[in-house]
Amino acid sequence: PYIKGTSLEADKLYEYIRLVAPTMMTVLITGESGSGKEYIARLIHAQSNRKEAPFIAVDCGAIPKDLAASEFFGHVKGAFVAASGGMIFLDEIGNLSYDVQVQLLRALEERKVKPVGSDKEIAFDVRIISATNENLTKAVAEGNFREDLYHRLNEFSLKALSLRERKEDIPGFANHFLDASNEELG
């Protein structure tokens, strides 16, 4: 479950989530590892008009370069087709190789994918939410991330705050995990 927190920063983040959830805007979530980026993406999905459709999470950092096209576009049914009608969450988007960035941009622009080994394109209807702990603006400036893909993914941005940035929320998290441990241990 998503633990909102009671800080002013948590309230602002929750309000932004509420505002962007019903739209079709792509969302880029930035923040440190462990700051809850996937929870935010799932919360957006749960509050969206697509909540009954699939939510497919893809860890871009864990996909070997030579398997990325297969993971995204599939041999028969890749992540984009599997998520059709719903949302796809591209976690650690900054880790994609330049070649895969090109393929991803083309798929997003055309809203079609060509599965590996196929000569037919398949249309998809997904909302994209991506996340990174990297500074993509810097990666764009250094030529490591495509600027056009960055703008395509960043129609709306959210920052997942670390607990260091909202210390008043720490007791709520501590109590949640204490309760969970007590329940697990009986």
N, C-alpha and C. Protein backbone atom coordinates (compact mmCIF):
# COMPACT_ATOMS: atom_id res chain seq x y z
N PRO A 1 0.83 -1.21 0.00
CA PRO A 1 0.00 0.00 0.00
C PRO A 1 0.86 1.25 0.00
N TYR A 2 0.31 2.31 -0.56
CA TYR A 2 1.02 3.58 -0.61
C TYR A 2 0.83 4.30 0.71
N ILE A 3 1.92 4.70 1.34
CA ILE A 3 1.86 5.46 2.58
C ILE A 3 2.07 6.92 2.21
N LYS A 4 1.03 7.70 2.36
CA LYS A 4 1.05 9.08 1.89
C LYS A 4 1.96 9.97 2.71
N GLY A 5 1.89 9.88 4.00
CA GLY A 5 2.61 10.81 4.85
C GLY A 5 1.73 12.01 5.15
N THR A 6 2.17 12.82 6.10
CA THR A 6 1.37 13.97 6.53
C THR A 6 2.06 15.30 6.30
N SER A 7 3.23 15.27 5.72
CA SER A 7 3.99 16.51 5.50
C SER A 7 3.36 17.34 4.39
N LEU A 8 3.70 18.61 4.37
CA LEU A 8 3.24 19.50 3.31
C LEU A 8 3.71 19.00 1.95
N GLU A 9 4.95 18.49 1.88
CA GLU A 9 5.49 17.96 0.63
C GLU A 9 4.69 16.76 0.14
N ALA A 10 4.31 15.88 1.08
CA ALA A 10 3.50 14.71 0.71
C ALA A 10 2.13 15.16 0.21
N ASP A 11 1.55 16.15 0.86
CA ASP A 11 0.25 16.67 0.42
C ASP A 11 0.34 17.22 -1.00
N LYS A 12 1.41 17.96 -1.30
CA LYS A 12 1.59 18.52 -2.65
C LYS A 12 1.73 17.41 -3.68
N LEU A 13 2.55 16.41 -3.39
CA LEU A 13 2.75 15.30 -4.31
C LEU A 13 1.44 14.58 -4.56
N TYR A 14 0.68 14.32 -3.51
CA TYR A 14 -0.59 13.63 -3.64
C TYR A 14 -1.57 14.43 -4.48
N GLU A 15 -1.57 15.75 -4.33
CA GLU A 15 -2.43 16.62 -5.13
C GLU A 15 -2.03 16.57 -6.60
N TYR A 16 -0.73 16.59 -6.88
CA TYR A 16 -0.26 16.49 -8.27
C TYR A 16 -0.67 15.15 -8.89
N ILE A 17 -0.57 14.08 -8.11
CA ILE A 17 -0.99 12.76 -8.58
C ILE A 17 -2.47 12.78 -8.92
N ARG A 18 -3.27 13.36 -8.03
CA ARG A 18 -4.72 13.45 -8.26
C ARG A 18 -5.04 14.23 -9.53
N LEU A 19 -4.27 15.28 -9.79
CA LEU A 19 -4.51 16.10 -10.97
C LEU A 19 -4.12 15.40 -12.27
N VAL A 20 -2.99 14.70 -12.28
CA VAL A 20 -2.49 14.10 -13.52
C VAL A 20 -3.10 12.73 -13.80
N ALA A 21 -3.57 12.04 -12.78
CA ALA A 21 -4.07 10.66 -12.97
C ALA A 21 -5.14 10.52 -14.05
N PRO A 22 -6.16 11.37 -14.09
CA PRO A 22 -7.21 11.15 -15.10
C PRO A 22 -6.84 11.61 -16.51
N THR A 23 -5.67 12.18 -16.70
CA THR A 23 -5.27 12.66 -18.02
C THR A 23 -4.57 11.54 -18.80
N MET A 24 -4.20 11.84 -20.04
CA MET A 24 -3.42 10.91 -20.85
C MET A 24 -1.95 11.34 -20.94
N MET A 25 -1.57 12.33 -20.15
CA MET A 25 -0.20 12.84 -20.21
C MET A 25 0.80 11.77 -19.81
N THR A 26 1.96 11.79 -20.48
CA THR A 26 3.05 10.95 -20.02
C THR A 26 3.62 11.60 -18.76
N VAL A 27 4.10 10.78 -17.84
CA VAL A 27 4.61 11.28 -16.57
C VAL A 27 6.02 10.74 -16.37
N LEU A 28 6.93 11.64 -16.00
CA LEU A 28 8.28 11.25 -15.64
C LEU A 28 8.45 11.47 -14.14
N ILE A 29 8.73 10.39 -13.43
CA ILE A 29 8.91 10.45 -11.98
C ILE A 29 10.41 10.36 -11.71
N THR A 30 10.93 11.35 -11.02
CA THR A 30 12.35 11.34 -10.67
C THR A 30 12.49 11.19 -9.16
N GLY A 31 13.63 10.71 -8.75
CA GLY A 31 13.88 10.55 -7.32
C GLY A 31 14.92 9.48 -7.08
N GLU A 32 15.43 9.50 -5.85
CA GLU A 32 16.46 8.54 -5.46
C GLU A 32 15.91 7.11 -5.47
N SER A 33 16.80 6.14 -5.55
CA SER A 33 16.39 4.75 -5.41
C SER A 33 15.74 4.57 -4.04
N GLY A 34 14.62 3.86 -4.03
CA GLY A 34 13.92 3.60 -2.78
C GLY A 34 12.98 4.70 -2.34
N SER A 35 12.76 5.71 -3.18
CA SER A 35 11.89 6.82 -2.78
C SER A 35 10.43 6.61 -3.16
N GLY A 36 10.10 5.46 -3.74
CA GLY A 36 8.70 5.13 -4.01
C GLY A 36 8.19 5.49 -5.38
N LYS A 37 9.06 5.50 -6.38
CA LYS A 37 8.64 5.89 -7.73
C LYS A 37 7.60 4.92 -8.31
N GLU A 38 7.80 3.63 -8.10
CA GLU A 38 6.82 2.68 -8.63
C GLU A 38 5.49 2.78 -7.88
N TYR A 39 5.54 3.04 -6.58
CA TYR A 39 4.29 3.23 -5.83
C TYR A 39 3.51 4.42 -6.37
N ILE A 40 4.22 5.49 -6.72
CA ILE A 40 3.58 6.67 -7.29
C ILE A 40 2.94 6.31 -8.63
N ALA A 41 3.67 5.56 -9.46
CA ALA A 41 3.13 5.14 -10.75
C ALA A 41 1.87 4.29 -10.57
N ARG A 42 1.90 3.38 -9.62
CA ARG A 42 0.73 2.53 -9.36
C ARG A 42 -0.44 3.35 -8.82
N LEU A 43 -0.15 4.36 -8.04
CA LEU A 43 -1.20 5.24 -7.52
C LEU A 43 -1.85 6.04 -8.65
N ILE A 44 -1.03 6.52 -9.59
CA ILE A 44 -1.57 7.21 -10.76
C ILE A 44 -2.49 6.26 -11.53
N HIS A 45 -2.03 5.03 -11.73
CA HIS A 45 -2.85 4.04 -12.44
C HIS A 45 -4.17 3.79 -11.70
N ALA A 46 -4.10 3.62 -10.39
CA ALA A 46 -5.30 3.32 -9.59
C ALA A 46 -6.32 4.46 -9.61
N GLN A 47 -5.86 5.68 -9.85
CA GLN A 47 -6.76 6.83 -9.88
C GLN A 47 -7.12 7.26 -11.31
N SER A 48 -6.69 6.49 -12.28
CA SER A 48 -6.92 6.86 -13.68
C SER A 48 -8.16 6.20 -14.25
N ASN A 49 -8.51 6.61 -15.45
CA ASN A 49 -9.63 5.99 -16.16
C ASN A 49 -9.25 4.61 -16.69
N ARG A 50 -7.99 4.25 -16.57
CA ARG A 50 -7.49 2.96 -17.07
C ARG A 50 -7.25 1.96 -15.94
N LYS A 51 -7.77 2.24 -14.77
CA LYS A 51 -7.47 1.42 -13.59
C LYS A 51 -7.88 -0.04 -13.72
N GLU A 52 -8.87 -0.34 -14.57
CA GLU A 52 -9.30 -1.73 -14.76
C GLU A 52 -8.45 -2.46 -15.79
N ALA A 53 -7.62 -1.73 -16.51
CA ALA A 53 -6.77 -2.31 -17.55
C ALA A 53 -5.39 -2.65 -16.95
N PRO A 54 -4.56 -3.35 -17.70
CA PRO A 54 -3.26 -3.79 -17.16
C PRO A 54 -2.31 -2.64 -16.79
N PHE A 55 -1.52 -2.91 -15.78
CA PHE A 55 -0.38 -2.07 -15.40
C PHE A 55 0.83 -2.98 -15.55
N ILE A 56 1.67 -2.69 -16.52
CA ILE A 56 2.86 -3.52 -16.78
C ILE A 56 4.10 -2.71 -16.42
N ALA A 57 4.90 -3.24 -15.50
CA ALA A 57 6.14 -2.59 -15.10
C ALA A 57 7.32 -3.26 -15.79
N VAL A 58 8.19 -2.44 -16.38
CA VAL A 58 9.38 -2.95 -17.05
C VAL A 58 10.58 -2.27 -16.42
N ASP A 59 11.51 -3.06 -15.89
CA ASP A 59 12.73 -2.52 -15.29
C ASP A 59 13.77 -2.37 -16.40
N CYS A 60 13.88 -1.17 -16.92
CA CYS A 60 14.80 -0.91 -18.03
C CYS A 60 16.26 -1.14 -17.64
N GLY A 61 16.57 -1.04 -16.36
CA GLY A 61 17.94 -1.26 -15.90
C GLY A 61 18.33 -2.72 -15.89
N ALA A 62 17.35 -3.61 -15.90
CA ALA A 62 17.64 -5.04 -15.81
C ALA A 62 17.59 -5.75 -17.15
N ILE A 63 17.27 -5.00 -18.21
CA ILE A 63 17.15 -5.63 -19.52
C ILE A 63 18.47 -5.55 -20.26
N PRO A 64 19.07 -6.67 -20.62
CA PRO A 64 20.28 -6.62 -21.44
C PRO A 64 19.97 -5.94 -22.78
N LYS A 65 20.93 -5.19 -23.29
CA LYS A 65 20.74 -4.42 -24.52
C LYS A 65 20.19 -5.27 -25.66
N ASP A 66 20.69 -6.48 -25.80
CA ASP A 66 20.27 -7.32 -26.92
C ASP A 66 18.88 -7.92 -26.74
N LEU A 67 18.30 -7.83 -25.53
CA LEU A 67 16.96 -8.35 -25.30
C LEU A 67 15.90 -7.26 -25.15
N ALA A 68 16.33 -6.00 -25.17
CA ALA A 68 15.39 -4.89 -24.93
C ALA A 68 14.28 -4.84 -25.96
N ALA A 69 14.61 -4.98 -27.23
CA ALA A 69 13.58 -4.93 -28.27
C ALA A 69 12.56 -6.05 -28.07
N SER A 70 13.02 -7.22 -27.71
CA SER A 70 12.12 -8.34 -27.47
C SER A 70 11.22 -8.07 -26.27
N GLU A 71 11.79 -7.51 -25.20
CA GLU A 71 11.02 -7.22 -23.99
C GLU A 71 9.93 -6.18 -24.27
N PHE A 72 10.29 -5.12 -24.98
CA PHE A 72 9.33 -4.07 -25.28
C PHE A 72 8.32 -4.47 -26.34
N PHE A 73 8.83 -5.00 -27.44
CA PHE A 73 8.00 -5.19 -28.61
C PHE A 73 7.61 -6.64 -28.84
N GLY A 74 8.32 -7.55 -28.18
CA GLY A 74 7.95 -8.95 -28.15
C GLY A 74 8.22 -9.74 -29.41
N HIS A 75 8.14 -11.05 -29.26
CA HIS A 75 8.14 -11.95 -30.41
C HIS A 75 6.68 -12.12 -30.85
N VAL A 76 5.82 -12.28 -29.88
CA VAL A 76 4.40 -12.38 -30.15
C VAL A 76 3.67 -11.23 -29.46
N LYS A 77 3.94 -11.05 -28.18
CA LYS A 77 3.23 -10.04 -27.41
C LYS A 77 4.19 -9.44 -26.39
N GLY A 78 4.80 -8.28 -26.73
CA GLY A 78 5.70 -7.61 -25.82
C GLY A 78 4.94 -6.77 -24.81
N ALA A 79 5.69 -6.03 -23.99
CA ALA A 79 5.10 -5.25 -22.91
C ALA A 79 4.09 -4.22 -23.42
N PHE A 80 4.38 -3.58 -24.56
CA PHE A 80 3.47 -2.54 -25.05
C PHE A 80 2.13 -3.12 -25.48
N VAL A 81 2.14 -4.27 -26.13
CA VAL A 81 0.89 -4.90 -26.55
C VAL A 81 0.17 -5.48 -25.34
N ALA A 82 0.92 -6.08 -24.41
CA ALA A 82 0.32 -6.65 -23.20
C ALA A 82 -0.36 -5.57 -22.35
N ALA A 83 0.18 -4.36 -22.37
CA ALA A 83 -0.37 -3.26 -21.56
C ALA A 83 -1.46 -2.50 -22.29
N SER A 84 -1.76 -2.86 -23.52
CA SER A 84 -2.71 -2.10 -24.33
C SER A 84 -4.02 -1.87 -23.59
N GLY A 85 -4.45 -0.63 -23.59
CA GLY A 85 -5.64 -0.22 -22.85
C GLY A 85 -5.31 0.27 -21.46
N GLY A 86 -4.11 -0.04 -20.99
CA GLY A 86 -3.70 0.32 -19.63
C GLY A 86 -2.48 1.21 -19.62
N MET A 87 -1.58 0.90 -18.70
CA MET A 87 -0.37 1.70 -18.53
C MET A 87 0.85 0.81 -18.54
N ILE A 88 1.95 1.41 -19.03
CA ILE A 88 3.24 0.74 -18.95
C ILE A 88 4.14 1.65 -18.13
N PHE A 89 4.82 1.05 -17.16
CA PHE A 89 5.73 1.79 -16.29
C PHE A 89 7.15 1.41 -16.67
N LEU A 90 7.90 2.37 -17.20
CA LEU A 90 9.28 2.15 -17.62
C LEU A 90 10.20 2.65 -16.51
N ASP A 91 10.62 1.72 -15.66
CA ASP A 91 11.46 2.08 -14.52
C ASP A 91 12.92 2.15 -14.96
N GLU A 92 13.63 3.10 -14.41
CA GLU A 92 15.04 3.36 -14.73
C GLU A 92 15.23 3.56 -16.23
N ILE A 93 14.42 4.42 -16.79
CA ILE A 93 14.43 4.72 -18.22
C ILE A 93 15.79 5.24 -18.70
N GLY A 94 16.52 5.88 -17.80
CA GLY A 94 17.83 6.42 -18.16
C GLY A 94 18.87 5.37 -18.50
N ASN A 95 18.58 4.11 -18.20
CA ASN A 95 19.54 3.03 -18.46
C ASN A 95 19.43 2.43 -19.86
N LEU A 96 18.45 2.90 -20.65
CA LEU A 96 18.29 2.33 -21.99
C LEU A 96 19.44 2.75 -22.90
N SER A 97 19.89 1.84 -23.73
CA SER A 97 20.93 2.17 -24.70
C SER A 97 20.34 3.12 -25.75
N TYR A 98 21.22 3.80 -26.45
CA TYR A 98 20.79 4.78 -27.45
C TYR A 98 19.97 4.10 -28.54
N ASP A 99 20.37 2.91 -28.96
CA ASP A 99 19.64 2.18 -30.00
C ASP A 99 18.21 1.88 -29.57
N VAL A 100 18.04 1.45 -28.33
CA VAL A 100 16.71 1.13 -27.83
C VAL A 100 15.90 2.42 -27.65
N GLN A 101 16.56 3.51 -27.28
CA GLN A 101 15.87 4.80 -27.19
C GLN A 101 15.25 5.17 -28.54
N VAL A 102 15.98 4.94 -29.61
CA VAL A 102 15.49 5.23 -30.96
C VAL A 102 14.25 4.39 -31.25
N GLN A 103 14.31 3.11 -30.96
CA GLN A 103 13.18 2.21 -31.20
C GLN A 103 11.97 2.61 -30.35
N LEU A 104 12.22 2.96 -29.11
CA LEU A 104 11.14 3.36 -28.21
C LEU A 104 10.48 4.65 -28.70
N LEU A 105 11.28 5.62 -29.10
CA LEU A 105 10.74 6.87 -29.61
C LEU A 105 9.85 6.62 -30.82
N ARG A 106 10.31 5.81 -31.73
CA ARG A 106 9.52 5.51 -32.93
C ARG A 106 8.19 4.85 -32.55
N ALA A 107 8.24 3.90 -31.62
CA ALA A 107 7.01 3.23 -31.18
C ALA A 107 6.04 4.22 -30.54
N LEU A 108 6.56 5.13 -29.73
CA LEU A 108 5.70 6.11 -29.07
C LEU A 108 5.09 7.09 -30.06
N GLU A 109 5.86 7.47 -31.07
CA GLU A 109 5.35 8.40 -32.07
C GLU A 109 4.28 7.77 -32.95
N GLU A 110 4.49 6.53 -33.33
CA GLU A 110 3.58 5.87 -34.26
C GLU A 110 2.48 5.08 -33.56
N ARG A 111 2.66 4.83 -32.26
CA ARG A 111 1.72 4.01 -31.49
C ARG A 111 1.55 2.63 -32.11
N LYS A 112 2.66 2.13 -32.67
CA LYS A 112 2.70 0.79 -33.26
C LYS A 112 4.04 0.16 -32.94
N VAL A 113 4.06 -1.15 -32.82
CA VAL A 113 5.30 -1.89 -32.64
C VAL A 113 5.36 -3.01 -33.66
N LYS A 114 6.58 -3.35 -34.00
CA LYS A 114 6.80 -4.50 -34.89
C LYS A 114 7.52 -5.55 -34.07
N PRO A 115 6.81 -6.64 -33.70
CA PRO A 115 7.46 -7.68 -32.91
C PRO A 115 8.70 -8.22 -33.62
N VAL A 116 9.68 -8.61 -32.83
CA VAL A 116 10.92 -9.16 -33.36
C VAL A 116 10.60 -10.36 -34.24
N GLY A 117 11.13 -10.36 -35.47
CA GLY A 117 10.92 -11.46 -36.39
C GLY A 117 9.62 -11.38 -37.19
N SER A 118 8.85 -10.32 -36.99
CA SER A 118 7.59 -10.17 -37.70
C SER A 118 7.71 -9.06 -38.74
N ASP A 119 6.88 -9.13 -39.76
CA ASP A 119 6.87 -8.05 -40.74
C ASP A 119 5.60 -7.21 -40.61
N LYS A 120 4.79 -7.49 -39.58
CA LYS A 120 3.54 -6.77 -39.36
C LYS A 120 3.64 -5.92 -38.10
N GLU A 121 3.08 -4.72 -38.19
CA GLU A 121 3.05 -3.84 -37.03
C GLU A 121 1.74 -4.05 -36.28
N ILE A 122 1.82 -3.90 -34.97
CA ILE A 122 0.65 -4.04 -34.10
C ILE A 122 0.43 -2.71 -33.39
N ALA A 123 -0.78 -2.18 -33.49
CA ALA A 123 -1.11 -0.92 -32.80
C ALA A 123 -1.29 -1.19 -31.31
N PHE A 124 -0.95 -0.20 -30.51
CA PHE A 124 -1.17 -0.31 -29.07
C PHE A 124 -1.73 1.00 -28.55
N ASP A 125 -2.43 0.91 -27.43
CA ASP A 125 -3.02 2.06 -26.77
C ASP A 125 -2.62 2.00 -25.30
N VAL A 126 -1.52 2.66 -24.97
CA VAL A 126 -1.05 2.65 -23.58
C VAL A 126 -0.71 4.07 -23.14
N ARG A 127 -0.77 4.25 -21.84
CA ARG A 127 -0.27 5.48 -21.24
C ARG A 127 1.09 5.14 -20.67
N ILE A 128 2.03 6.05 -20.85
CA ILE A 128 3.41 5.81 -20.42
C ILE A 128 3.72 6.59 -19.15
N ILE A 129 4.24 5.87 -18.17
CA ILE A 129 4.80 6.50 -16.98
C ILE A 129 6.22 5.97 -16.89
N SER A 130 7.18 6.85 -16.74
CA SER A 130 8.57 6.40 -16.63
C SER A 130 9.19 6.99 -15.38
N ALA A 131 10.28 6.39 -14.97
CA ALA A 131 10.95 6.83 -13.74
C ALA A 131 12.46 6.68 -13.89
N THR A 132 13.16 7.51 -13.16
CA THR A 132 14.63 7.42 -13.15
C THR A 132 15.18 8.04 -11.88
N ASN A 133 16.35 7.56 -11.49
CA ASN A 133 17.08 8.20 -10.40
C ASN A 133 18.25 9.01 -10.97
N GLU A 134 18.32 9.08 -12.29
CA GLU A 134 19.38 9.83 -12.96
C GLU A 134 18.89 11.21 -13.35
N ASN A 135 19.82 12.11 -13.59
CA ASN A 135 19.50 13.45 -14.06
C ASN A 135 19.42 13.38 -15.59
N LEU A 136 18.22 13.25 -16.12
CA LEU A 136 18.06 13.10 -17.56
C LEU A 136 18.38 14.38 -18.32
N THR A 137 18.17 15.53 -17.69
CA THR A 137 18.53 16.80 -18.33
C THR A 137 20.03 16.81 -18.61
N LYS A 138 20.80 16.36 -17.65
CA LYS A 138 22.26 16.28 -17.82
C LYS A 138 22.62 15.22 -18.87
N ALA A 139 21.92 14.10 -18.84
CA ALA A 139 22.18 13.03 -19.83
C ALA A 139 21.88 13.52 -21.24
N VAL A 140 20.83 14.33 -21.39
CA VAL A 140 20.51 14.91 -22.70
C VAL A 140 21.63 15.84 -23.14
N ALA A 141 22.07 16.71 -22.23
CA ALA A 141 23.13 17.68 -22.55
C ALA A 141 24.43 16.97 -22.94
N GLU A 142 24.69 15.82 -22.32
CA GLU A 142 25.91 15.07 -22.60
C GLU A 142 25.76 14.13 -23.80
N GLY A 143 24.57 14.09 -24.39
CA GLY A 143 24.34 13.23 -25.55
C GLY A 143 24.10 11.78 -25.23
N ASN A 144 23.79 11.46 -23.97
CA ASN A 144 23.56 10.08 -23.57
C ASN A 144 22.08 9.69 -23.57
N PHE A 145 21.21 10.68 -23.71
CA PHE A 145 19.78 10.40 -23.77
C PHE A 145 19.17 11.31 -24.82
N ARG A 146 18.33 10.76 -25.66
CA ARG A 146 17.73 11.53 -26.76
C ARG A 146 16.82 12.62 -26.22
N GLU A 147 17.04 13.84 -26.70
CA GLU A 147 16.24 14.97 -26.24
C GLU A 147 14.77 14.82 -26.66
N ASP A 148 14.52 14.33 -27.87
CA ASP A 148 13.14 14.18 -28.32
C ASP A 148 12.39 13.13 -27.49
N LEU A 149 13.08 12.06 -27.10
CA LEU A 149 12.46 11.05 -26.24
C LEU A 149 12.21 11.63 -24.85
N TYR A 150 13.15 12.39 -24.35
CA TYR A 150 12.99 13.04 -23.03
C TYR A 150 11.72 13.89 -23.02
N HIS A 151 11.52 14.71 -24.04
CA HIS A 151 10.34 15.57 -24.08
C HIS A 151 9.05 14.75 -24.26
N ARG A 152 9.14 13.66 -24.99
CA ARG A 152 7.97 12.79 -25.19
C ARG A 152 7.55 12.14 -23.87
N LEU A 153 8.53 11.79 -23.04
CA LEU A 153 8.24 11.12 -21.77
C LEU A 153 7.92 12.09 -20.64
N ASN A 154 8.25 13.36 -20.82
CA ASN A 154 8.18 14.33 -19.73
C ASN A 154 7.12 15.41 -19.96
N GLU A 155 5.91 14.99 -20.28
CA GLU A 155 4.83 15.98 -20.40
C GLU A 155 4.44 16.53 -19.03
N PHE A 156 4.62 15.71 -18.01
CA PHE A 156 4.34 16.11 -16.62
C PHE A 156 5.38 15.41 -15.76
N SER A 157 5.99 16.13 -14.85
CA SER A 157 7.02 15.49 -14.02
C SER A 157 6.66 15.58 -12.54
N LEU A 158 7.05 14.55 -11.83
CA LEU A 158 6.85 14.46 -10.39
C LEU A 158 8.17 14.08 -9.75
N LYS A 159 8.42 14.60 -8.57
CA LYS A 159 9.63 14.23 -7.83
C LYS A 159 9.23 13.42 -6.61
N ALA A 160 9.72 12.19 -6.55
CA ALA A 160 9.52 11.35 -5.38
C ALA A 160 10.54 11.78 -4.32
N LEU A 161 10.05 12.24 -3.21
CA LEU A 161 10.93 12.78 -2.18
C LEU A 161 11.44 11.68 -1.26
N SER A 162 12.69 11.78 -0.88
CA SER A 162 13.24 10.85 0.10
C SER A 162 12.73 11.26 1.49
N LEU A 163 12.78 10.34 2.41
CA LEU A 163 12.36 10.68 3.78
C LEU A 163 13.27 11.73 4.40
N ARG A 164 14.48 11.82 3.91
CA ARG A 164 15.41 12.85 4.38
C ARG A 164 14.85 14.25 4.09
N GLU A 165 14.04 14.36 3.02
CA GLU A 165 13.46 15.64 2.64
C GLU A 165 12.11 15.90 3.30
N ARG A 166 11.59 14.93 4.02
CA ARG A 166 10.31 15.10 4.72
C ARG A 166 10.32 14.29 6.01
N LYS A 167 11.18 14.71 6.91
CA LYS A 167 11.45 13.98 8.16
C LYS A 167 10.20 13.77 9.01
N GLU A 168 9.23 14.69 8.93
CA GLU A 168 8.03 14.54 9.75
C GLU A 168 7.19 13.33 9.35
N ASP A 169 7.47 12.73 8.19
CA ASP A 169 6.76 11.53 7.76
C ASP A 169 7.39 10.24 8.28
N ILE A 170 8.57 10.32 8.84
CA ILE A 170 9.28 9.12 9.30
C ILE A 170 8.48 8.33 10.34
N PRO A 171 7.88 8.96 11.35
CA PRO A 171 7.11 8.15 12.32
C PRO A 171 5.98 7.35 11.67
N GLY A 172 5.31 7.89 10.69
CA GLY A 172 4.25 7.15 10.01
C GLY A 172 4.76 5.91 9.31
N PHE A 173 5.91 6.04 8.64
CA PHE A 173 6.52 4.89 7.98
C PHE A 173 7.02 3.88 9.01
N ALA A 174 7.65 4.36 10.07
CA ALA A 174 8.16 3.47 11.11
C ALA A 174 7.02 2.67 11.74
N ASN A 175 5.91 3.34 12.04
CA ASN A 175 4.76 2.63 12.63
C ASN A 175 4.17 1.62 11.66
N HIS A 176 4.10 1.97 10.38
CA HIS A 176 3.58 1.04 9.37
C HIS A 176 4.43 -0.24 9.34
N PHE A 177 5.75 -0.08 9.28
CA PHE A 177 6.61 -1.26 9.19
C PHE A 177 6.66 -2.03 10.51
N LEU A 178 6.53 -1.34 11.63
CA LEU A 178 6.44 -2.01 12.92
C LEU A 178 5.18 -2.86 13.00
N ASP A 179 4.05 -2.28 12.58
CA ASP A 179 2.78 -3.03 12.56
C ASP A 179 2.88 -4.24 11.64
N ALA A 180 3.48 -4.05 10.44
CA ALA A 180 3.62 -5.16 9.50
C ALA A 180 4.50 -6.27 10.09
N SER A 181 5.59 -5.88 10.75
CA SER A 181 6.47 -6.89 11.38
C SER A 181 5.77 -7.63 12.50
N ASN A 182 5.03 -6.87 13.33
CA ASN A 182 4.30 -7.51 14.44
C ASN A 182 3.26 -8.50 13.91
N GLU A 183 2.57 -8.14 12.85
CA GLU A 183 1.57 -9.03 12.28
C GLU A 183 2.23 -10.27 11.70
N GLU A 184 3.35 -10.07 11.00
CA GLU A 184 4.05 -11.21 10.41
C GLU A 184 4.61 -12.15 11.45
N LEU A 185 5.08 -11.61 12.55
CA LEU A 185 5.68 -12.44 13.60
C LEU A 185 4.67 -12.94 14.62
N GLY A 186 3.42 -12.50 14.49
CA GLY A 186 2.38 -12.96 15.39
C GLY A 186 2.53 -12.39 16.78
